């Protein structure tokens, strides 16, 4: 059985924005959506804050399913949910 992961993007009010099969694409759109303020974009994961980079996102999601990470700036915020498809 093949493991197929999908990434769902939600805004800060839990409104659905999109679904992605590529981690790179969801990261690009999350940064684009949050990059409207004057501060930098950061990743929030269990109270820890790190720079919003593709490498950090990949390391956070490694080995996890049904896991949520928050992208934040001073004006915007989005959530990325990693889950898998069932056949």
N, C-alpha and C. Protein backbone atom coordinates (compact mmCIF):
# COMPACT_ATOMS: atom_id res chain seq x y z
N UNK A 1 0.84 -1.18 0.00
CA UNK A 1 0.00 0.00 0.00
C UNK A 1 0.89 1.25 0.00
N UNK A 2 0.58 2.19 -0.85
CA UNK A 2 1.37 3.40 -1.00
C UNK A 2 0.90 4.46 -0.01
N UNK A 3 1.87 5.14 0.60
CA UNK A 3 1.55 6.24 1.49
C UNK A 3 1.54 7.53 0.68
N UNK A 4 0.38 8.15 0.61
CA UNK A 4 0.24 9.41 -0.11
C UNK A 4 -0.17 10.47 0.90
N UNK A 5 0.68 11.48 1.07
CA UNK A 5 0.41 12.55 2.02
C UNK A 5 -0.15 13.76 1.28
N UNK A 6 -1.08 14.45 1.94
CA UNK A 6 -1.60 15.70 1.42
C UNK A 6 -1.44 16.76 2.49
N UNK A 7 -1.40 18.00 2.04
CA UNK A 7 -1.21 19.14 2.93
C UNK A 7 -2.37 20.11 2.70
N UNK A 8 -3.13 20.39 3.75
CA UNK A 8 -4.27 21.30 3.66
C UNK A 8 -3.89 22.64 4.27
N UNK A 9 -4.29 23.70 3.62
CA UNK A 9 -3.97 25.06 4.06
C UNK A 9 -5.25 25.75 4.52
N UNK A 10 -5.21 26.31 5.73
CA UNK A 10 -6.35 27.01 6.32
C UNK A 10 -5.90 28.39 6.77
N UNK A 11 -6.81 29.37 6.72
CA UNK A 11 -6.45 30.69 7.24
C UNK A 11 -6.63 30.71 8.75
N UNK A 12 -6.42 31.87 9.37
CA UNK A 12 -6.45 31.91 10.84
C UNK A 12 -7.84 31.75 11.41
N UNK A 13 -8.88 31.83 10.58
CA UNK A 13 -10.24 31.59 11.02
C UNK A 13 -10.71 30.18 10.66
N UNK A 14 -9.78 29.30 10.32
CA UNK A 14 -10.04 27.91 9.91
C UNK A 14 -10.86 27.80 8.63
N UNK A 15 -10.77 28.79 7.78
CA UNK A 15 -11.40 28.74 6.46
C UNK A 15 -10.44 28.02 5.51
N UNK A 16 -10.94 27.05 4.79
CA UNK A 16 -10.13 26.24 3.88
C UNK A 16 -9.63 27.09 2.72
N UNK A 17 -8.33 27.02 2.45
CA UNK A 17 -7.72 27.75 1.33
C UNK A 17 -7.39 26.82 0.18
N UNK A 18 -6.78 25.66 0.48
CA UNK A 18 -6.41 24.76 -0.60
C UNK A 18 -5.81 23.47 -0.09
N UNK A 19 -5.67 22.52 -1.02
CA UNK A 19 -5.04 21.23 -0.70
C UNK A 19 -3.90 21.01 -1.69
N UNK A 20 -2.81 20.45 -1.20
CA UNK A 20 -1.58 20.31 -1.98
C UNK A 20 -1.02 18.91 -1.80
N UNK A 21 -0.36 18.42 -2.82
CA UNK A 21 0.35 17.15 -2.71
C UNK A 21 1.85 17.38 -2.53
N UNK A 22 2.28 18.60 -2.69
CA UNK A 22 3.70 18.94 -2.60
C UNK A 22 3.95 19.84 -1.39
N UNK A 23 4.93 19.46 -0.59
CA UNK A 23 5.31 20.27 0.57
C UNK A 23 5.86 21.62 0.13
N UNK A 24 6.57 21.63 -0.97
CA UNK A 24 7.15 22.87 -1.50
C UNK A 24 6.06 23.86 -1.90
N UNK A 25 5.00 23.37 -2.50
CA UNK A 25 3.91 24.24 -2.95
C UNK A 25 3.12 24.83 -1.78
N UNK A 26 2.84 24.01 -0.78
CA UNK A 26 2.09 24.52 0.37
C UNK A 26 2.94 25.52 1.15
N UNK A 27 4.23 25.29 1.23
CA UNK A 27 5.13 26.24 1.91
C UNK A 27 5.15 27.57 1.15
N UNK A 28 5.26 27.51 -0.16
CA UNK A 28 5.29 28.73 -0.99
C UNK A 28 4.03 29.56 -0.78
N UNK A 29 2.86 28.91 -0.83
CA UNK A 29 1.60 29.65 -0.69
C UNK A 29 1.38 30.15 0.73
N UNK A 30 1.82 29.39 1.73
CA UNK A 30 1.68 29.83 3.12
C UNK A 30 2.53 31.07 3.38
N UNK A 31 3.76 31.07 2.87
CA UNK A 31 4.62 32.24 3.04
C UNK A 31 4.06 33.42 2.27
N UNK A 32 3.55 33.18 1.08
CA UNK A 32 2.97 34.25 0.27
C UNK A 32 1.76 34.87 0.97
N UNK A 33 0.93 34.04 1.59
CA UNK A 33 -0.27 34.52 2.27
C UNK A 33 0.10 35.32 3.53
N UNK A 34 1.12 34.87 4.26
CA UNK A 34 1.51 35.53 5.52
C UNK A 34 2.42 36.72 5.32
N UNK A 35 3.04 36.86 4.19
CA UNK A 35 4.05 37.88 3.97
C UNK A 35 3.44 39.22 3.59
N UNK A 36 2.37 39.61 4.27
CA UNK A 36 1.71 40.87 3.98
C UNK A 36 1.97 41.92 5.04
N UNK A 37 2.60 41.55 6.12
CA UNK A 37 2.89 42.50 7.19
C UNK A 37 4.30 43.05 7.07
N UNK A 38 4.75 43.66 8.16
CA UNK A 38 6.08 44.24 8.17
C UNK A 38 7.10 43.35 8.87
N UNK A 39 6.64 42.30 9.53
CA UNK A 39 7.58 41.41 10.22
C UNK A 39 7.86 40.18 9.37
N UNK A 40 8.82 39.39 9.81
CA UNK A 40 9.15 38.16 9.08
C UNK A 40 8.12 37.07 9.39
N UNK A 41 8.10 36.06 8.58
CA UNK A 41 7.19 34.93 8.75
C UNK A 41 7.91 33.86 9.57
N UNK A 42 7.21 33.32 10.57
CA UNK A 42 7.78 32.29 11.42
C UNK A 42 6.87 31.08 11.45
N UNK A 43 7.43 29.94 11.85
CA UNK A 43 6.67 28.70 12.04
C UNK A 43 6.48 28.48 13.53
N UNK A 44 5.26 28.17 13.95
CA UNK A 44 4.98 27.82 15.34
C UNK A 44 4.67 26.33 15.40
N UNK A 45 5.38 25.65 16.29
CA UNK A 45 5.20 24.21 16.45
C UNK A 45 5.33 23.86 17.93
N UNK A 46 4.23 23.53 18.58
CA UNK A 46 4.22 23.18 20.01
C UNK A 46 4.92 24.22 20.86
N UNK A 47 4.65 25.49 20.63
CA UNK A 47 5.24 26.55 21.41
C UNK A 47 6.61 27.00 20.96
N UNK A 48 7.24 26.24 20.08
CA UNK A 48 8.55 26.63 19.54
C UNK A 48 8.35 27.47 18.29
N UNK A 49 9.20 28.48 18.14
CA UNK A 49 9.13 29.32 16.95
C UNK A 49 10.46 29.24 16.20
N UNK A 50 10.37 28.93 14.90
CA UNK A 50 11.56 28.84 14.05
C UNK A 50 11.29 29.62 12.77
N UNK A 51 12.34 29.90 12.02
CA UNK A 51 12.19 30.58 10.74
C UNK A 51 11.35 29.74 9.78
N UNK A 52 10.56 30.40 8.97
CA UNK A 52 9.71 29.71 8.00
C UNK A 52 10.53 29.33 6.78
N UNK A 53 11.15 28.16 6.84
CA UNK A 53 11.91 27.65 5.70
C UNK A 53 11.39 26.26 5.36
N UNK A 54 11.62 25.87 4.13
CA UNK A 54 11.18 24.55 3.68
C UNK A 54 11.87 23.44 4.46
N UNK A 55 13.13 23.63 4.79
CA UNK A 55 13.89 22.63 5.55
C UNK A 55 13.29 22.45 6.95
N UNK A 56 12.98 23.57 7.62
CA UNK A 56 12.38 23.48 8.95
C UNK A 56 11.01 22.81 8.90
N UNK A 57 10.21 23.15 7.90
CA UNK A 57 8.90 22.53 7.77
C UNK A 57 9.02 21.03 7.52
N UNK A 58 9.94 20.64 6.66
CA UNK A 58 10.15 19.22 6.37
C UNK A 58 10.59 18.47 7.63
N UNK A 59 11.47 19.06 8.42
CA UNK A 59 11.93 18.42 9.65
C UNK A 59 10.83 18.31 10.69
N UNK A 60 9.96 19.29 10.77
CA UNK A 60 8.84 19.24 11.71
C UNK A 60 7.87 18.13 11.33
N UNK A 61 7.55 18.00 10.04
CA UNK A 61 6.57 17.02 9.58
C UNK A 61 7.13 15.61 9.46
N UNK A 62 8.43 15.44 9.55
CA UNK A 62 9.04 14.13 9.33
C UNK A 62 8.50 13.09 10.32
N UNK A 63 7.90 12.03 9.78
CA UNK A 63 7.38 10.93 10.60
C UNK A 63 6.06 11.20 11.28
N UNK A 64 5.40 12.30 10.98
CA UNK A 64 4.14 12.65 11.64
C UNK A 64 3.01 12.66 10.62
N UNK A 65 1.83 12.28 11.09
CA UNK A 65 0.62 12.30 10.28
C UNK A 65 -0.47 12.97 11.11
N UNK A 66 -1.39 13.66 10.45
CA UNK A 66 -2.44 14.43 11.11
C UNK A 66 -1.83 15.43 12.09
N UNK A 67 -0.91 16.20 11.60
CA UNK A 67 -0.17 17.15 12.41
C UNK A 67 -0.32 18.55 11.81
N UNK A 68 -0.40 19.54 12.67
CA UNK A 68 -0.67 20.91 12.24
C UNK A 68 0.45 21.85 12.66
N UNK A 69 0.83 22.74 11.75
CA UNK A 69 1.86 23.75 11.99
C UNK A 69 1.27 25.10 11.59
N UNK A 70 1.64 26.14 12.34
CA UNK A 70 1.11 27.48 12.10
C UNK A 70 2.21 28.38 11.53
N UNK A 71 1.89 29.08 10.44
CA UNK A 71 2.75 30.14 9.89
C UNK A 71 2.18 31.46 10.41
N UNK A 72 3.04 32.33 10.95
CA UNK A 72 2.57 33.59 11.52
C UNK A 72 3.44 34.76 11.10
N UNK A 73 2.80 35.91 10.97
CA UNK A 73 3.50 37.18 10.85
C UNK A 73 2.74 38.14 11.75
N UNK A 74 3.03 39.44 11.68
CA UNK A 74 2.35 40.36 12.58
C UNK A 74 0.90 40.63 12.17
N UNK A 75 0.51 40.33 10.93
CA UNK A 75 -0.86 40.59 10.50
C UNK A 75 -1.62 39.36 10.04
N UNK A 76 -0.94 38.32 9.61
CA UNK A 76 -1.60 37.15 9.04
C UNK A 76 -1.16 35.88 9.74
N UNK A 77 -1.94 34.84 9.56
CA UNK A 77 -1.58 33.53 10.06
C UNK A 77 -2.32 32.46 9.27
N UNK A 78 -1.64 31.37 8.97
CA UNK A 78 -2.26 30.23 8.30
C UNK A 78 -1.81 28.95 8.98
N UNK A 79 -2.62 27.91 8.81
CA UNK A 79 -2.30 26.60 9.35
C UNK A 79 -2.08 25.63 8.21
N UNK A 80 -1.11 24.76 8.37
CA UNK A 80 -0.85 23.69 7.41
C UNK A 80 -1.05 22.38 8.14
N UNK A 81 -1.91 21.54 7.60
CA UNK A 81 -2.21 20.24 8.18
C UNK A 81 -1.68 19.15 7.26
N UNK A 82 -0.87 18.26 7.82
CA UNK A 82 -0.37 17.11 7.05
C UNK A 82 -1.23 15.91 7.41
N UNK A 83 -1.78 15.26 6.42
CA UNK A 83 -2.57 14.06 6.62
C UNK A 83 -2.31 13.11 5.46
N UNK A 84 -2.89 11.94 5.50
CA UNK A 84 -2.67 11.00 4.40
C UNK A 84 -3.99 10.60 3.76
N UNK A 85 -3.90 10.16 2.52
CA UNK A 85 -5.07 9.68 1.79
C UNK A 85 -5.24 8.19 2.07
N UNK A 86 -6.48 7.77 2.21
CA UNK A 86 -6.75 6.35 2.38
C UNK A 86 -7.29 5.81 1.08
N UNK A 87 -6.85 4.62 0.75
CA UNK A 87 -7.28 4.01 -0.52
C UNK A 87 -8.49 3.15 -0.32
